[in-house]
Amino acid sequence: IPLVALTGDQLVRLATSVQKGQAVLITGALGSVGRAAVHTAKKIGAQ
């Protein structure tokens, strides 16, 4: 679980640097890493 969660989190925070209000497309959103990325991006306030 920590590996999956950290991978999704780092993908959004470090690789995309998406900010609140910006739109981000997350491919594979129903996979483990994808769901973690969706959660992180929503927490940031991204669309």
ModelCIF file with pLDDT and N, C-alpha, C, O atoms, coordinates in Angstrom:
data_MODEL
#
_entry.id   MODEL 
#
_entity.id                         1 
_entity.type                       polymer 
_entity.pdbx_number_of_molecules   1 
#
_entity_poly.entity_id                      1 
_entity_poly.type                           'polypeptide(L)' 
_entity_poly.nstd_linkage                   no 
_entity_poly.nstd_monomer                   no 
_entity_poly.pdbx_seq_one_letter_code       IPLVALTGDQLVRLATSVQKGQAVLITGALGSVGRAAVHTAKKIGAQ 
_entity_poly.pdbx_seq_one_letter_code_can   IPLVALTGDQLVRLATSVQKGQAVLITGALGSVGRAAVHTAKKIGAQ 
_entity_poly.pdbx_strand_id                 A 
#
loop_
_entity_poly_seq.entity_id 
_entity_poly_seq.num 
_entity_poly_seq.mon_id 
_entity_poly_seq.hetero 
1 1  ILE n 
1 2  PRO n 
1 3  LEU n 
1 4  VAL n 
1 5  ALA n 
1 6  LEU n 
1 7  THR n 
1 8  GLY n 
1 9  ASP n 
1 10 GLN n 
1 11 LEU n 
1 12 VAL n 
1 13 ARG n 
1 14 LEU n 
1 15 ALA n 
1 16 THR n 
1 17 SER n 
1 18 VAL n 
1 19 GLN n 
1 20 LYS n 
1 21 GLY n 
1 22 GLN n 
1 23 ALA n 
1 24 VAL n 
1 25 LEU n 
1 26 ILE n 
1 27 THR n 
1 28 GLY n 
1 29 ALA n 
1 30 LEU n 
1 31 GLY n 
1 32 SER n 
1 33 VAL n 
1 34 GLY n 
1 35 ARG n 
1 36 ALA n 
1 37 ALA n 
1 38 VAL n 
1 39 HIS n 
1 40 THR n 
1 41 ALA n 
1 42 LYS n 
1 43 LYS n 
1 44 ILE n 
1 45 GLY n 
1 46 ALA n 
1 47 GLN n 
#
_struct_asym.id          A 
_struct_asym.entity_id   1 
#
loop_
_ma_qa_metric.id 
_ma_qa_metric.mode 
_ma_qa_metric.name 
_ma_qa_metric.software_group_id 
_ma_qa_metric.type 
1 global pLDDT . pLDDT 
2 local  pLDDT . pLDDT 
#
_ma_qa_metric_global.metric_id      1 
_ma_qa_metric_global.metric_value   94.96 
_ma_qa_metric_global.model_id       1 
_ma_qa_metric_global.ordinal_id     1 
#
loop_
_ma_qa_metric_local.label_asym_id 
_ma_qa_metric_local.label_comp_id 
_ma_qa_metric_local.label_seq_id 
_ma_qa_metric_local.metric_id 
_ma_qa_metric_local.metric_value 
_ma_qa_metric_local.model_id 
_ma_qa_metric_local.ordinal_id 
A ILE 1  2 85.00 1 1  
A PRO 2  2 87.00 1 2  
A LEU 3  2 90.00 1 3  
A VAL 4  2 91.00 1 4  
A ALA 5  2 92.00 1 5  
A LEU 6  2 93.00 1 6  
A THR 7  2 95.00 1 7  
A GLY 8  2 95.00 1 8  
A ASP 9  2 95.00 1 9  
A GLN 10 2 95.00 1 10 
A LEU 11 2 95.00 1 11 
A VAL 12 2 96.00 1 12 
A ARG 13 2 94.00 1 13 
A LEU 14 2 94.00 1 14 
A ALA 15 2 94.00 1 15 
A THR 16 2 94.00 1 16 
A SER 17 2 93.00 1 17 
A VAL 18 2 95.00 1 18 
A GLN 19 2 96.00 1 19 
A LYS 20 2 97.00 1 20 
A GLY 21 2 97.00 1 21 
A GLN 22 2 97.00 1 22 
A ALA 23 2 96.00 1 23 
A VAL 24 2 97.00 1 24 
A LEU 25 2 97.00 1 25 
A ILE 26 2 97.00 1 26 
A THR 27 2 96.00 1 27 
A GLY 28 2 95.00 1 28 
A ALA 29 2 97.00 1 29 
A LEU 30 2 97.00 1 30 
A GLY 31 2 95.00 1 31 
A SER 32 2 92.00 1 32 
A VAL 33 2 95.00 1 33 
A GLY 34 2 96.00 1 34 
A ARG 35 2 96.00 1 35 
A ALA 36 2 95.00 1 36 
A ALA 37 2 96.00 1 37 
A VAL 38 2 97.00 1 38 
A HIS 39 2 96.00 1 39 
A THR 40 2 96.00 1 40 
A ALA 41 2 97.00 1 41 
A LYS 42 2 97.00 1 42 
A LYS 43 2 96.00 1 43 
A ILE 44 2 96.00 1 44 
A GLY 45 2 97.00 1 45 
A ALA 46 2 97.00 1 46 
A GLN 47 2 97.00 1 47 
#
loop_
_atom_site.group_PDB 
_atom_site.id 
_atom_site.type_symbol 
_atom_site.label_atom_id 
_atom_site.label_alt_id 
_atom_site.label_comp_id 
_atom_site.label_asym_id 
_atom_site.label_entity_id 
_atom_site.label_seq_id 
_atom_site.pdbx_PDB_ins_code 
_atom_site.Cartn_x 
_atom_site.Cartn_y 
_atom_site.Cartn_z 
_atom_site.occupancy 
_atom_site.B_iso_or_equiv 
_atom_site.pdbx_formal_charge 
_atom_site.auth_seq_id 
_atom_site.auth_comp_id 
_atom_site.auth_asym_id 
_atom_site.auth_atom_id 
_atom_site.pdbx_PDB_model_num 
ATOM 1   N N  . ILE A 1 1  ? 0.816   -1.217 0.000   1.00 85.00 ? 1  ILE A N  1 
ATOM 2   C CA . ILE A 1 1  ? 0.000   0.000  0.000   1.00 85.00 ? 1  ILE A CA 1 
ATOM 3   C C  . ILE A 1 1  ? 0.852   1.271  0.000   1.00 85.00 ? 1  ILE A C  1 
ATOM 4   O O  . ILE A 1 1  ? 0.574   2.169  -0.795  1.00 85.00 ? 1  ILE A O  1 
ATOM 5   N N  . PRO A 1 2  ? 1.869   1.392  0.846   1.00 87.00 ? 2  PRO A N  1 
ATOM 6   C CA . PRO A 1 2  ? 2.658   2.639  0.813   1.00 87.00 ? 2  PRO A CA 1 
ATOM 7   C C  . PRO A 1 2  ? 3.337   2.881  -0.531  1.00 87.00 ? 2  PRO A C  1 
ATOM 8   O O  . PRO A 1 2  ? 3.427   4.027  -0.972  1.00 87.00 ? 2  PRO A O  1 
ATOM 9   N N  . LEU A 1 3  ? 3.812   1.840  -1.185  1.00 90.00 ? 3  LEU A N  1 
ATOM 10  C CA . LEU A 1 3  ? 4.458   2.015  -2.482  1.00 90.00 ? 3  LEU A CA 1 
ATOM 11  C C  . LEU A 1 3  ? 3.469   2.564  -3.511  1.00 90.00 ? 3  LEU A C  1 
ATOM 12  O O  . LEU A 1 3  ? 3.786   3.499  -4.246  1.00 90.00 ? 3  LEU A O  1 
ATOM 13  N N  . VAL A 1 4  ? 2.288   1.986  -3.558  1.00 91.00 ? 4  VAL A N  1 
ATOM 14  C CA . VAL A 1 4  ? 1.261   2.435  -4.499  1.00 91.00 ? 4  VAL A CA 1 
ATOM 15  C C  . VAL A 1 4  ? 0.852   3.871  -4.195  1.00 91.00 ? 4  VAL A C  1 
ATOM 16  O O  . VAL A 1 4  ? 0.776   4.705  -5.098  1.00 91.00 ? 4  VAL A O  1 
ATOM 17  N N  . ALA A 1 5  ? 0.591   4.155  -2.931  1.00 92.00 ? 5  ALA A N  1 
ATOM 18  C CA . ALA A 1 5  ? 0.146   5.492  -2.544  1.00 92.00 ? 5  ALA A CA 1 
ATOM 19  C C  . ALA A 1 5  ? 1.215   6.545  -2.816  1.00 92.00 ? 5  ALA A C  1 
ATOM 20  O O  . ALA A 1 5  ? 0.906   7.631  -3.307  1.00 92.00 ? 5  ALA A O  1 
ATOM 21  N N  . LEU A 1 6  ? 2.456   6.234  -2.503  1.00 93.00 ? 6  LEU A N  1 
ATOM 22  C CA . LEU A 1 6  ? 3.528   7.192  -2.746  1.00 93.00 ? 6  LEU A CA 1 
ATOM 23  C C  . LEU A 1 6  ? 3.783   7.400  -4.234  1.00 93.00 ? 6  LEU A C  1 
ATOM 24  O O  . LEU A 1 6  ? 4.076   8.516  -4.664  1.00 93.00 ? 6  LEU A O  1 
ATOM 25  N N  . THR A 1 7  ? 3.673   6.342  -5.015  1.00 95.00 ? 7  THR A N  1 
ATOM 26  C CA . THR A 1 7  ? 3.877   6.472  -6.453  1.00 95.00 ? 7  THR A CA 1 
ATOM 27  C C  . THR A 1 7  ? 2.831   7.408  -7.060  1.00 95.00 ? 7  THR A C  1 
ATOM 28  O O  . THR A 1 7  ? 3.177   8.301  -7.833  1.00 95.00 ? 7  THR A O  1 
ATOM 29  N N  . GLY A 1 8  ? 1.563   7.212  -6.719  1.00 95.00 ? 8  GLY A N  1 
ATOM 30  C CA . GLY A 1 8  ? 0.500   8.088  -7.209  1.00 95.00 ? 8  GLY A CA 1 
ATOM 31  C C  . GLY A 1 8  ? 0.680   9.518  -6.740  1.00 95.00 ? 8  GLY A C  1 
ATOM 32  O O  . GLY A 1 8  ? 0.485   10.459 -7.510  1.00 95.00 ? 8  GLY A O  1 
ATOM 33  N N  . ASP A 1 9  ? 1.051   9.685  -5.484  1.00 95.00 ? 9  ASP A N  1 
ATOM 34  C CA . ASP A 1 9  ? 1.269   11.013 -4.916  1.00 95.00 ? 9  ASP A CA 1 
ATOM 35  C C  . ASP A 1 9  ? 2.419   11.724 -5.624  1.00 95.00 ? 9  ASP A C  1 
ATOM 36  O O  . ASP A 1 9  ? 2.290   12.888 -6.004  1.00 95.00 ? 9  ASP A O  1 
ATOM 37  N N  . GLN A 1 10 ? 3.543   11.029 -5.804  1.00 95.00 ? 10 GLN A N  1 
ATOM 38  C CA . GLN A 1 10 ? 4.703   11.633 -6.448  1.00 95.00 ? 10 GLN A CA 1 
ATOM 39  C C  . GLN A 1 10 ? 4.444   11.924 -7.924  1.00 95.00 ? 10 GLN A C  1 
ATOM 40  O O  . GLN A 1 10 ? 4.950   12.910 -8.460  1.00 95.00 ? 10 GLN A O  1 
ATOM 41  N N  . LEU A 1 11 ? 3.670   11.081 -8.574  1.00 95.00 ? 11 LEU A N  1 
ATOM 42  C CA . LEU A 1 11 ? 3.324   11.320 -9.963  1.00 95.00 ? 11 LEU A CA 1 
ATOM 43  C C  . LEU A 1 11 ? 2.626   12.667 -10.117 1.00 95.00 ? 11 LEU A C  1 
ATOM 44  O O  . LEU A 1 11 ? 2.928   13.431 -11.034 1.00 95.00 ? 11 LEU A O  1 
ATOM 45  N N  . VAL A 1 12 ? 1.699   12.949 -9.224  1.00 96.00 ? 12 VAL A N  1 
ATOM 46  C CA . VAL A 1 12 ? 0.952   14.204 -9.295  1.00 96.00 ? 12 VAL A CA 1 
ATOM 47  C C  . VAL A 1 12 ? 1.787   15.379 -8.789  1.00 96.00 ? 12 VAL A C  1 
ATOM 48  O O  . VAL A 1 12 ? 1.907   16.395 -9.473  1.00 96.00 ? 12 VAL A O  1 
ATOM 49  N N  . ARG A 1 13 ? 2.354   15.246 -7.620  1.00 94.00 ? 13 ARG A N  1 
ATOM 50  C CA . ARG A 1 13 ? 3.065   16.375 -7.009  1.00 94.00 ? 13 ARG A CA 1 
ATOM 51  C C  . ARG A 1 13 ? 4.388   16.711 -7.696  1.00 94.00 ? 13 ARG A C  1 
ATOM 52  O O  . ARG A 1 13 ? 4.695   17.885 -7.903  1.00 94.00 ? 13 ARG A O  1 
ATOM 53  N N  . LEU A 1 14 ? 5.165   15.703 -8.048  1.00 94.00 ? 14 LEU A N  1 
ATOM 54  C CA . LEU A 1 14 ? 6.495   15.948 -8.595  1.00 94.00 ? 14 LEU A CA 1 
ATOM 55  C C  . LEU A 1 14 ? 6.529   15.962 -10.125 1.00 94.00 ? 14 LEU A C  1 
ATOM 56  O O  . LEU A 1 14 ? 7.129   16.854 -10.724 1.00 94.00 ? 14 LEU A O  1 
ATOM 57  N N  . ALA A 1 15 ? 5.891   14.985 -10.751 1.00 94.00 ? 15 ALA A N  1 
ATOM 58  C CA . ALA A 1 15 ? 5.976   14.870 -12.207 1.00 94.00 ? 15 ALA A CA 1 
ATOM 59  C C  . ALA A 1 15 ? 5.085   15.877 -12.927 1.00 94.00 ? 15 ALA A C  1 
ATOM 60  O O  . ALA A 1 15 ? 5.477   16.411 -13.964 1.00 94.00 ? 15 ALA A O  1 
ATOM 61  N N  . THR A 1 16 ? 3.897   16.143 -12.396 1.00 94.00 ? 16 THR A N  1 
ATOM 62  C CA . THR A 1 16 ? 3.003   17.094 -13.076 1.00 94.00 ? 16 THR A CA 1 
ATOM 63  C C  . THR A 1 16 ? 3.047   18.479 -12.449 1.00 94.00 ? 16 THR A C  1 
ATOM 64  O O  . THR A 1 16 ? 2.792   19.469 -13.134 1.00 94.00 ? 16 THR A O  1 
ATOM 65  N N  . SER A 1 17 ? 3.360   18.568 -11.184 1.00 93.00 ? 17 SER A N  1 
ATOM 66  C CA . SER A 1 17 ? 3.355   19.841 -10.445 1.00 93.00 ? 17 SER A CA 1 
ATOM 67  C C  . SER A 1 17 ? 2.032   20.576 -10.583 1.00 93.00 ? 17 SER A C  1 
ATOM 68  O O  . SER A 1 17 ? 1.998   21.807 -10.587 1.00 93.00 ? 17 SER A O  1 
ATOM 69  N N  . VAL A 1 18 ? 0.946   19.828 -10.695 1.00 95.00 ? 18 VAL A N  1 
ATOM 70  C CA . VAL A 1 18 ? -0.374  20.423 -10.865 1.00 95.00 ? 18 VAL A CA 1 
ATOM 71  C C  . VAL A 1 18 ? -0.737  21.228 -9.612  1.00 95.00 ? 18 VAL A C  1 
ATOM 72  O O  . VAL A 1 18 ? -0.392  20.859 -8.489  1.00 95.00 ? 18 VAL A O  1 
ATOM 73  N N  . GLN A 1 19 ? -1.439  22.333 -9.841  1.00 96.00 ? 19 GLN A N  1 
ATOM 74  C CA . GLN A 1 19 ? -1.822  23.238 -8.765  1.00 96.00 ? 19 GLN A CA 1 
ATOM 75  C C  . GLN A 1 19 ? -3.339  23.319 -8.643  1.00 96.00 ? 19 GLN A C  1 
ATOM 76  O O  . GLN A 1 19 ? -4.072  22.875 -9.527  1.00 96.00 ? 19 GLN A O  1 
ATOM 77  N N  . LYS A 1 20 ? -3.791  23.887 -7.546  1.00 97.00 ? 20 LYS A N  1 
ATOM 78  C CA . LYS A 1 20 ? -5.214  24.080 -7.301  1.00 97.00 ? 20 LYS A CA 1 
ATOM 79  C C  . LYS A 1 20 ? -5.851  24.810 -8.480  1.00 97.00 ? 20 LYS A C  1 
ATOM 80  O O  . LYS A 1 20 ? -5.329  25.822 -8.948  1.00 97.00 ? 20 LYS A O  1 
ATOM 81  N N  . GLY A 1 21 ? -6.991  24.284 -8.959  1.00 97.00 ? 21 GLY A N  1 
ATOM 82  C CA . GLY A 1 21 ? -7.730  24.904 -10.044 1.00 97.00 ? 21 GLY A CA 1 
ATOM 83  C C  . GLY A 1 21 ? -7.294  24.472 -11.432 1.00 97.00 ? 21 GLY A C  1 
ATOM 84  O O  . GLY A 1 21 ? -8.014  24.716 -12.400 1.00 97.00 ? 21 GLY A O  1 
ATOM 85  N N  . GLN A 1 22 ? -6.140  23.838 -11.555 1.00 97.00 ? 22 GLN A N  1 
ATOM 86  C CA . GLN A 1 22 ? -5.684  23.367 -12.862 1.00 97.00 ? 22 GLN A CA 1 
ATOM 87  C C  . GLN A 1 22 ? -6.356  22.049 -13.216 1.00 97.00 ? 22 GLN A C  1 
ATOM 88  O O  . GLN A 1 22 ? -6.804  21.310 -12.339 1.00 97.00 ? 22 GLN A O  1 
ATOM 89  N N  . ALA A 1 23 ? -6.420  21.767 -14.508 1.00 96.00 ? 23 ALA A N  1 
ATOM 90  C CA . ALA A 1 23 ? -7.016  20.519 -14.987 1.00 96.00 ? 23 ALA A CA 1 
ATOM 91  C C  . ALA A 1 23 ? -5.914  19.496 -15.236 1.00 96.00 ? 23 ALA A C  1 
ATOM 92  O O  . ALA A 1 23 ? -4.909  19.796 -15.881 1.00 96.00 ? 23 ALA A O  1 
ATOM 93  N N  . VAL A 1 24 ? -6.112  18.292 -14.720 1.00 97.00 ? 24 VAL A N  1 
ATOM 94  C CA . VAL A 1 24 ? -5.141  17.214 -14.915 1.00 97.00 ? 24 VAL A CA 1 
ATOM 95  C C  . VAL A 1 24 ? -5.876  15.959 -15.387 1.00 97.00 ? 24 VAL A C  1 
ATOM 96  O O  . VAL A 1 24 ? -6.893  15.562 -14.819 1.00 97.00 ? 24 VAL A O  1 
ATOM 97  N N  . LEU A 1 25 ? -5.338  15.352 -16.434 1.00 97.00 ? 25 LEU A N  1 
ATOM 98  C CA . LEU A 1 25 ? -5.837  14.074 -16.923 1.00 97.00 ? 25 LEU A CA 1 
ATOM 99  C C  . LEU A 1 25 ? -5.014  12.977 -16.281 1.00 97.00 ? 25 LEU A C  1 
ATOM 100 O O  . LEU A 1 25 ? -3.787  12.982 -16.381 1.00 97.00 ? 25 LEU A O  1 
ATOM 101 N N  . ILE A 1 26 ? -5.672  12.038 -15.624 1.00 97.00 ? 26 ILE A N  1 
ATOM 102 C CA . ILE A 1 26 ? -4.980  10.903 -15.025 1.00 97.00 ? 26 ILE A CA 1 
ATOM 103 C C  . ILE A 1 26 ? -5.421  9.651  -15.760 1.00 97.00 ? 26 ILE A C  1 
ATOM 104 O O  . ILE A 1 26 ? -6.552  9.191  -15.607 1.00 97.00 ? 26 ILE A O  1 
ATOM 105 N N  . THR A 1 27 ? -4.503  9.100  -16.569 1.00 96.00 ? 27 THR A N  1 
ATOM 106 C CA . THR A 1 27 ? -4.825  7.882  -17.310 1.00 96.00 ? 27 THR A CA 1 
ATOM 107 C C  . THR A 1 27 ? -4.707  6.687  -16.371 1.00 96.00 ? 27 THR A C  1 
ATOM 108 O O  . THR A 1 27 ? -3.910  6.696  -15.434 1.00 96.00 ? 27 THR A O  1 
ATOM 109 N N  . GLY A 1 28 ? -5.510  5.662  -16.635 1.00 95.00 ? 28 GLY A N  1 
ATOM 110 C CA . GLY A 1 28 ? -5.505  4.491  -15.755 1.00 95.00 ? 28 GLY A CA 1 
ATOM 111 C C  . GLY A 1 28 ? -6.028  4.824  -14.373 1.00 95.00 ? 28 GLY A C  1 
ATOM 112 O O  . GLY A 1 28 ? -5.561  4.276  -13.375 1.00 95.00 ? 28 GLY A O  1 
ATOM 113 N N  . ALA A 1 29 ? -6.999  5.723  -14.314 1.00 97.00 ? 29 ALA A N  1 
ATOM 114 C CA . ALA A 1 29 ? -7.494  6.247  -13.035 1.00 97.00 ? 29 ALA A CA 1 
ATOM 115 C C  . ALA A 1 29 ? -8.135  5.193  -12.146 1.00 97.00 ? 29 ALA A C  1 
ATOM 116 O O  . ALA A 1 29 ? -8.291  5.420  -10.947 1.00 97.00 ? 29 ALA A O  1 
ATOM 117 N N  . LEU A 1 30 ? -8.509  4.046  -12.702 1.00 97.00 ? 30 LEU A N  1 
ATOM 118 C CA . LEU A 1 30 ? -9.127  3.005  -11.882 1.00 97.00 ? 30 LEU A CA 1 
ATOM 119 C C  . LEU A 1 30 ? -8.118  1.984  -11.353 1.00 97.00 ? 30 LEU A C  1 
ATOM 120 O O  . LEU A 1 30 ? -8.479  1.097  -10.579 1.00 97.00 ? 30 LEU A O  1 
ATOM 121 N N  . GLY A 1 31 ? -6.867  2.108  -11.766 1.00 95.00 ? 31 GLY A N  1 
ATOM 122 C CA . GLY A 1 31 ? -5.828  1.227  -11.240 1.00 95.00 ? 31 GLY A CA 1 
ATOM 123 C C  . GLY A 1 31 ? -5.365  1.700  -9.871  1.00 95.00 ? 31 GLY A C  1 
ATOM 124 O O  . GLY A 1 31 ? -5.785  2.759  -9.403  1.00 95.00 ? 31 GLY A O  1 
ATOM 125 N N  . SER A 1 32 ? -4.517  0.935  -9.240  1.00 92.00 ? 32 SER A N  1 
ATOM 126 C CA . SER A 1 32 ? -4.056  1.278  -7.891  1.00 92.00 ? 32 SER A CA 1 
ATOM 127 C C  . SER A 1 32 ? -3.315  2.606  -7.855  1.00 92.00 ? 32 SER A C  1 
ATOM 128 O O  . SER A 1 32 ? -3.655  3.482  -7.060  1.00 92.00 ? 32 SER A O  1 
ATOM 129 N N  . VAL A 1 33 ? -2.312  2.764  -8.699  1.00 95.00 ? 33 VAL A N  1 
ATOM 130 C CA . VAL A 1 33 ? -1.556  4.019  -8.732  1.00 95.00 ? 33 VAL A CA 1 
ATOM 131 C C  . VAL A 1 33 ? -2.446  5.150  -9.239  1.00 95.00 ? 33 VAL A C  1 
ATOM 132 O O  . VAL A 1 33 ? -2.370  6.270  -8.735  1.00 95.00 ? 33 VAL A O  1 
ATOM 133 N N  . GLY A 1 34 ? -3.283  4.869  -10.224 1.00 96.00 ? 34 GLY A N  1 
ATOM 134 C CA . GLY A 1 34 ? -4.189  5.875  -10.753 1.00 96.00 ? 34 GLY A CA 1 
ATOM 135 C C  . GLY A 1 34 ? -5.138  6.411  -9.693  1.00 96.00 ? 34 GLY A C  1 
ATOM 136 O O  . GLY A 1 34 ? -5.356  7.619  -9.602  1.00 96.00 ? 34 GLY A O  1 
ATOM 137 N N  . ARG A 1 35 ? -5.702  5.515  -8.892  1.00 96.00 ? 35 ARG A N  1 
ATOM 138 C CA . ARG A 1 35 ? -6.612  5.957  -7.824  1.00 96.00 ? 35 ARG A CA 1 
ATOM 139 C C  . ARG A 1 35 ? -5.873  6.820  -6.804  1.00 96.00 ? 35 ARG A C  1 
ATOM 140 O O  . ARG A 1 35 ? -6.409  7.817  -6.321  1.00 96.00 ? 35 ARG A O  1 
ATOM 141 N N  . ALA A 1 36 ? -4.640  6.430  -6.480  1.00 95.00 ? 36 ALA A N  1 
ATOM 142 C CA . ALA A 1 36 ? -3.846  7.237  -5.553  1.00 95.00 ? 36 ALA A CA 1 
ATOM 143 C C  . ALA A 1 36 ? -3.572  8.615  -6.151  1.00 95.00 ? 36 ALA A C  1 
ATOM 144 O O  . ALA A 1 36 ? -3.621  9.619  -5.441  1.00 95.00 ? 36 ALA A O  1 
ATOM 145 N N  . ALA A 1 37 ? -3.283  8.668  -7.452  1.00 96.00 ? 37 ALA A N  1 
ATOM 146 C CA . ALA A 1 37 ? -3.042  9.940  -8.127  1.00 96.00 ? 37 ALA A CA 1 
ATOM 147 C C  . ALA A 1 37 ? -4.307  10.796 -8.132  1.00 96.00 ? 37 ALA A C  1 
ATOM 148 O O  . ALA A 1 37 ? -4.242  12.004 -7.901  1.00 96.00 ? 37 ALA A O  1 
ATOM 149 N N  . VAL A 1 38 ? -5.454  10.174 -8.396  1.00 97.00 ? 38 VAL A N  1 
ATOM 150 C CA . VAL A 1 38 ? -6.734  10.899 -8.362  1.00 97.00 ? 38 VAL A CA 1 
ATOM 151 C C  . VAL A 1 38 ? -6.944  11.510 -6.979  1.00 97.00 ? 38 VAL A C  1 
ATOM 152 O O  . VAL A 1 38 ? -7.313  12.679 -6.862  1.00 97.00 ? 38 VAL A O  1 
ATOM 153 N N  . HIS A 1 39 ? -6.712  10.729 -5.948  1.00 96.00 ? 39 HIS A N  1 
ATOM 154 C CA . HIS A 1 39 ? -6.902  11.204 -4.579  1.00 96.00 ? 39 HIS A CA 1 
ATOM 155 C C  . HIS A 1 39 ? -6.000  12.413 -4.300  1.00 96.00 ? 39 HIS A C  1 
ATOM 156 O O  . HIS A 1 39 ? -6.453  13.418 -3.753  1.00 96.00 ? 39 HIS A O  1 
ATOM 157 N N  . THR A 1 40 ? -4.727  12.306 -4.679  1.00 96.00 ? 40 THR A N  1 
ATOM 158 C CA . THR A 1 40 ? -3.792  13.402 -4.431  1.00 96.00 ? 40 THR A CA 1 
ATOM 159 C C  . THR A 1 40 ? -4.196  14.651 -5.199  1.00 96.00 ? 40 THR A C  1 
ATOM 160 O O  . THR A 1 40 ? -4.212  15.746 -4.637  1.00 96.00 ? 40 THR A O  1 
ATOM 161 N N  . ALA A 1 41 ? -4.522  14.499 -6.474  1.00 97.00 ? 41 ALA A N  1 
ATOM 162 C CA . ALA A 1 41 ? -4.893  15.659 -7.289  1.00 97.00 ? 41 ALA A CA 1 
ATOM 163 C C  . ALA A 1 41 ? -6.149  16.338 -6.743  1.00 97.00 ? 41 ALA A C  1 
ATOM 164 O O  . ALA A 1 41 ? -6.226  17.566 -6.710  1.00 97.00 ? 41 ALA A O  1 
ATOM 165 N N  . LYS A 1 42 ? -7.127  15.546 -6.316  1.00 97.00 ? 42 LYS A N  1 
ATOM 166 C CA . LYS A 1 42 ? -8.336  16.124 -5.735  1.00 97.00 ? 42 LYS A CA 1 
ATOM 167 C C  . LYS A 1 42 ? -8.006  16.849 -4.437  1.00 97.00 ? 42 LYS A C  1 
ATOM 168 O O  . LYS A 1 42 ? -8.558  17.913 -4.157  1.00 97.00 ? 42 LYS A O  1 
ATOM 169 N N  . LYS A 1 43 ? -7.114  16.276 -3.652  1.00 96.00 ? 43 LYS A N  1 
ATOM 170 C CA . LYS A 1 43 ? -6.719  16.895 -2.383  1.00 96.00 ? 43 LYS A CA 1 
ATOM 171 C C  . LYS A 1 43 ? -6.040  18.246 -2.631  1.00 96.00 ? 43 LYS A C  1 
ATOM 172 O O  . LYS A 1 43 ? -6.219  19.184 -1.854  1.00 96.00 ? 43 LYS A O  1 
ATOM 173 N N  . ILE A 1 44 ? -5.267  18.343 -3.710  1.00 96.00 ? 44 ILE A N  1 
ATOM 174 C CA . ILE A 1 44 ? -4.613  19.594 -4.078  1.00 96.00 ? 44 ILE A CA 1 
ATOM 175 C C  . ILE A 1 44 ? -5.653  20.624 -4.518  1.00 96.00 ? 44 ILE A C  1 
ATOM 176 O O  . ILE A 1 44 ? -5.449  21.827 -4.359  1.00 96.00 ? 44 ILE A O  1 
ATOM 177 N N  . GLY A 1 45 ? -6.771  20.144 -5.072  1.00 97.00 ? 45 GLY A N  1 
ATOM 178 C CA . GLY A 1 45 ? -7.814  21.039 -5.564  1.00 97.00 ? 45 GLY A CA 1 
ATOM 179 C C  . GLY A 1 45 ? -7.823  21.149 -7.075  1.00 97.00 ? 45 GLY A C  1 
ATOM 180 O O  . GLY A 1 45 ? -8.412  22.074 -7.634  1.00 97.00 ? 45 GLY A O  1 
ATOM 181 N N  . ALA A 1 46 ? -7.166  20.201 -7.738  1.00 97.00 ? 46 ALA A N  1 
ATOM 182 C CA . ALA A 1 46 ? -7.141  20.188 -9.200  1.00 97.00 ? 46 ALA A CA 1 
ATOM 183 C C  . ALA A 1 46 ? -8.468  19.651 -9.736  1.00 97.00 ? 46 ALA A C  1 
ATOM 184 O O  . ALA A 1 46 ? -9.192  18.935 -9.045  1.00 97.00 ? 46 ALA A O  1 
ATOM 185 N N  . GLN A 1 47 ? -8.764  20.013 -10.976 1.00 97.00 ? 47 GLN A N  1 
ATOM 186 C CA . GLN A 1 47 ? -9.917  19.452 -11.675 1.00 97.00 ? 47 GLN A CA 1 
ATOM 187 C C  . GLN A 1 47 ? -9.436  18.171 -12.343 1.00 97.00 ? 47 GLN A C  1 
ATOM 188 O O  . GLN A 1 47 ? -10.218 17.490 -13.007 1.00 97.00 ? 47 GLN A O  1 
#
